[in-house]
Amino acid sequence: MLERLIKYIFLFLSAAIPAVLASLRLVIDHICAIIAIAYQNYRCRDAQKDCDRNSH
């Protein structure tokens, strides 16, 4: 009984891992894009501060 359960779990995992990896890759891509956008906004804000400081 336990051996059959373990076999089913392994079958399920081997079938699910590709889907999990694909969704993980999507999530990581989204996180990277969000970080890149946030970083660009942060740099733009810094540049604006520098401009304000120089104009005064």
N, C-alpha and C. Protein backbone atom coordinates (compact mmCIF):
# COMPACT_ATOMS: atom_id res chain seq x y z
N MET A 1 0.84 -1.21 0.00
CA MET A 1 0.00 0.00 0.00
C MET A 1 0.87 1.25 0.00
N LEU A 2 1.81 1.31 0.94
CA LEU A 2 2.68 2.47 1.02
C LEU A 2 3.55 2.60 -0.22
N GLU A 3 4.03 1.45 -0.71
CA GLU A 3 4.87 1.49 -1.92
C GLU A 3 4.08 2.04 -3.11
N ARG A 4 2.82 1.63 -3.23
CA ARG A 4 1.99 2.13 -4.33
C ARG A 4 1.78 3.63 -4.20
N LEU A 5 1.56 4.08 -2.96
CA LEU A 5 1.37 5.52 -2.71
C LEU A 5 2.62 6.29 -3.10
N ILE A 6 3.77 5.77 -2.72
CA ILE A 6 5.03 6.44 -3.07
C ILE A 6 5.20 6.49 -4.58
N LYS A 7 4.84 5.37 -5.26
CA LYS A 7 4.96 5.34 -6.72
C LYS A 7 4.04 6.39 -7.35
N TYR A 8 2.82 6.52 -6.82
CA TYR A 8 1.90 7.54 -7.36
C TYR A 8 2.45 8.94 -7.11
N ILE A 9 3.02 9.14 -5.94
CA ILE A 9 3.58 10.47 -5.63
C ILE A 9 4.71 10.79 -6.61
N PHE A 10 5.59 9.82 -6.87
CA PHE A 10 6.69 10.06 -7.80
C PHE A 10 6.15 10.34 -9.20
N LEU A 11 5.12 9.58 -9.62
CA LEU A 11 4.53 9.82 -10.94
C LEU A 11 3.96 11.23 -11.01
N PHE A 12 3.25 11.62 -9.97
CA PHE A 12 2.65 12.95 -9.93
C PHE A 12 3.73 14.03 -9.99
N LEU A 13 4.78 13.83 -9.19
CA LEU A 13 5.86 14.83 -9.17
C LEU A 13 6.54 14.93 -10.52
N SER A 14 6.82 13.77 -11.14
CA SER A 14 7.51 13.81 -12.44
C SER A 14 6.63 14.47 -13.49
N ALA A 15 5.32 14.34 -13.35
CA ALA A 15 4.42 15.00 -14.30
C ALA A 15 4.27 16.49 -13.97
N ALA A 16 4.34 16.85 -12.69
CA ALA A 16 4.07 18.23 -12.29
C ALA A 16 5.30 19.11 -12.38
N ILE A 17 6.50 18.52 -12.27
CA ILE A 17 7.71 19.34 -12.21
C ILE A 17 7.86 20.25 -13.44
N PRO A 18 7.67 19.78 -14.67
CA PRO A 18 7.82 20.69 -15.81
C PRO A 18 6.87 21.89 -15.73
N ALA A 19 5.63 21.65 -15.33
CA ALA A 19 4.67 22.74 -15.21
C ALA A 19 5.09 23.71 -14.11
N VAL A 20 5.56 23.15 -12.99
CA VAL A 20 6.01 23.99 -11.89
C VAL A 20 7.19 24.83 -12.32
N LEU A 21 8.14 24.22 -13.03
CA LEU A 21 9.31 24.96 -13.49
C LEU A 21 8.90 26.07 -14.47
N ALA A 22 7.97 25.76 -15.36
CA ALA A 22 7.53 26.77 -16.32
C ALA A 22 6.87 27.94 -15.60
N SER A 23 6.01 27.65 -14.63
CA SER A 23 5.35 28.74 -13.91
C SER A 23 6.36 29.51 -13.07
N LEU A 24 7.35 28.81 -12.51
CA LEU A 24 8.39 29.50 -11.75
C LEU A 24 9.16 30.45 -12.66
N ARG A 25 9.44 30.00 -13.88
CA ARG A 25 10.17 30.86 -14.81
C ARG A 25 9.35 32.10 -15.13
N LEU A 26 8.05 31.93 -15.32
CA LEU A 26 7.18 33.09 -15.57
C LEU A 26 7.23 34.05 -14.39
N VAL A 27 7.12 33.51 -13.18
CA VAL A 27 7.13 34.35 -11.98
C VAL A 27 8.45 35.10 -11.89
N ILE A 28 9.56 34.39 -12.14
CA ILE A 28 10.87 35.03 -12.06
C ILE A 28 10.99 36.12 -13.12
N ASP A 29 10.49 35.85 -14.33
CA ASP A 29 10.52 36.88 -15.38
C ASP A 29 9.75 38.11 -14.94
N HIS A 30 8.55 37.91 -14.36
CA HIS A 30 7.75 39.04 -13.89
C HIS A 30 8.50 39.82 -12.81
N ILE A 31 9.09 39.09 -11.86
CA ILE A 31 9.81 39.76 -10.77
C ILE A 31 10.97 40.57 -11.33
N CYS A 32 11.70 39.98 -12.29
CA CYS A 32 12.83 40.70 -12.88
C CYS A 32 12.35 41.96 -13.59
N ALA A 33 11.23 41.86 -14.31
CA ALA A 33 10.70 43.03 -15.00
C ALA A 33 10.29 44.11 -14.01
N ILE A 34 9.63 43.70 -12.93
CA ILE A 34 9.19 44.67 -11.92
C ILE A 34 10.41 45.35 -11.28
N ILE A 35 11.44 44.55 -10.97
CA ILE A 35 12.64 45.12 -10.37
C ILE A 35 13.30 46.09 -11.34
N ALA A 36 13.37 45.72 -12.61
CA ALA A 36 14.00 46.60 -13.60
C ALA A 36 13.25 47.92 -13.71
N ILE A 37 11.92 47.85 -13.75
CA ILE A 37 11.11 49.08 -13.85
C ILE A 37 11.31 49.93 -12.60
N ALA A 38 11.26 49.28 -11.43
CA ALA A 38 11.43 50.03 -10.18
C ALA A 38 12.82 50.67 -10.14
N TYR A 39 13.83 49.94 -10.59
CA TYR A 39 15.19 50.47 -10.58
C TYR A 39 15.30 51.67 -11.51
N GLN A 40 14.69 51.57 -12.70
CA GLN A 40 14.71 52.70 -13.64
C GLN A 40 14.02 53.91 -13.02
N ASN A 41 12.85 53.70 -12.41
CA ASN A 41 12.14 54.81 -11.77
C ASN A 41 12.99 55.43 -10.68
N TYR A 42 13.66 54.59 -9.88
CA TYR A 42 14.50 55.07 -8.80
C TYR A 42 15.64 55.91 -9.36
N ARG A 43 16.26 55.43 -10.43
CA ARG A 43 17.37 56.18 -11.03
C ARG A 43 16.86 57.49 -11.61
N CYS A 44 15.70 57.48 -12.24
CA CYS A 44 15.14 58.72 -12.79
C CYS A 44 14.90 59.72 -11.66
N ARG A 45 14.35 59.25 -10.54
CA ARG A 45 14.08 60.12 -9.42
C ARG A 45 15.39 60.71 -8.90
N ASP A 46 16.43 59.88 -8.81
CA ASP A 46 17.73 60.37 -8.37
C ASP A 46 18.24 61.44 -9.33
N ALA A 47 18.11 61.19 -10.63
CA ALA A 47 18.58 62.16 -11.61
C ALA A 47 17.83 63.48 -11.47
N GLN A 48 16.51 63.38 -11.22
CA GLN A 48 15.72 64.61 -11.05
C GLN A 48 16.18 65.37 -9.80
N LYS A 49 16.49 64.64 -8.73
CA LYS A 49 16.99 65.30 -7.52
C LYS A 49 18.28 66.03 -7.82
N ASP A 50 19.16 65.38 -8.58
CA ASP A 50 20.43 66.02 -8.95
C ASP A 50 20.17 67.29 -9.76
N CYS A 51 19.23 67.21 -10.68
CA CYS A 51 18.91 68.39 -11.50
C CYS A 51 18.38 69.49 -10.60
N ASP A 52 17.46 69.16 -9.67
CA ASP A 52 16.92 70.16 -8.77
C ASP A 52 18.03 70.80 -7.94
N ARG A 53 18.93 69.97 -7.46
CA ARG A 53 20.03 70.46 -6.64
C ARG A 53 20.91 71.41 -7.47
N ASN A 54 21.16 71.05 -8.72
CA ASN A 54 22.02 71.88 -9.57
C ASN A 54 21.32 73.18 -9.94
N SER A 55 19.99 73.16 -10.08
CA SER A 55 19.29 74.36 -10.54
C SER A 55 19.23 75.41 -9.42
N HIS A 56 19.26 74.98 -8.16
CA HIS A 56 19.17 75.97 -7.07
C HIS A 56 20.51 76.65 -6.85
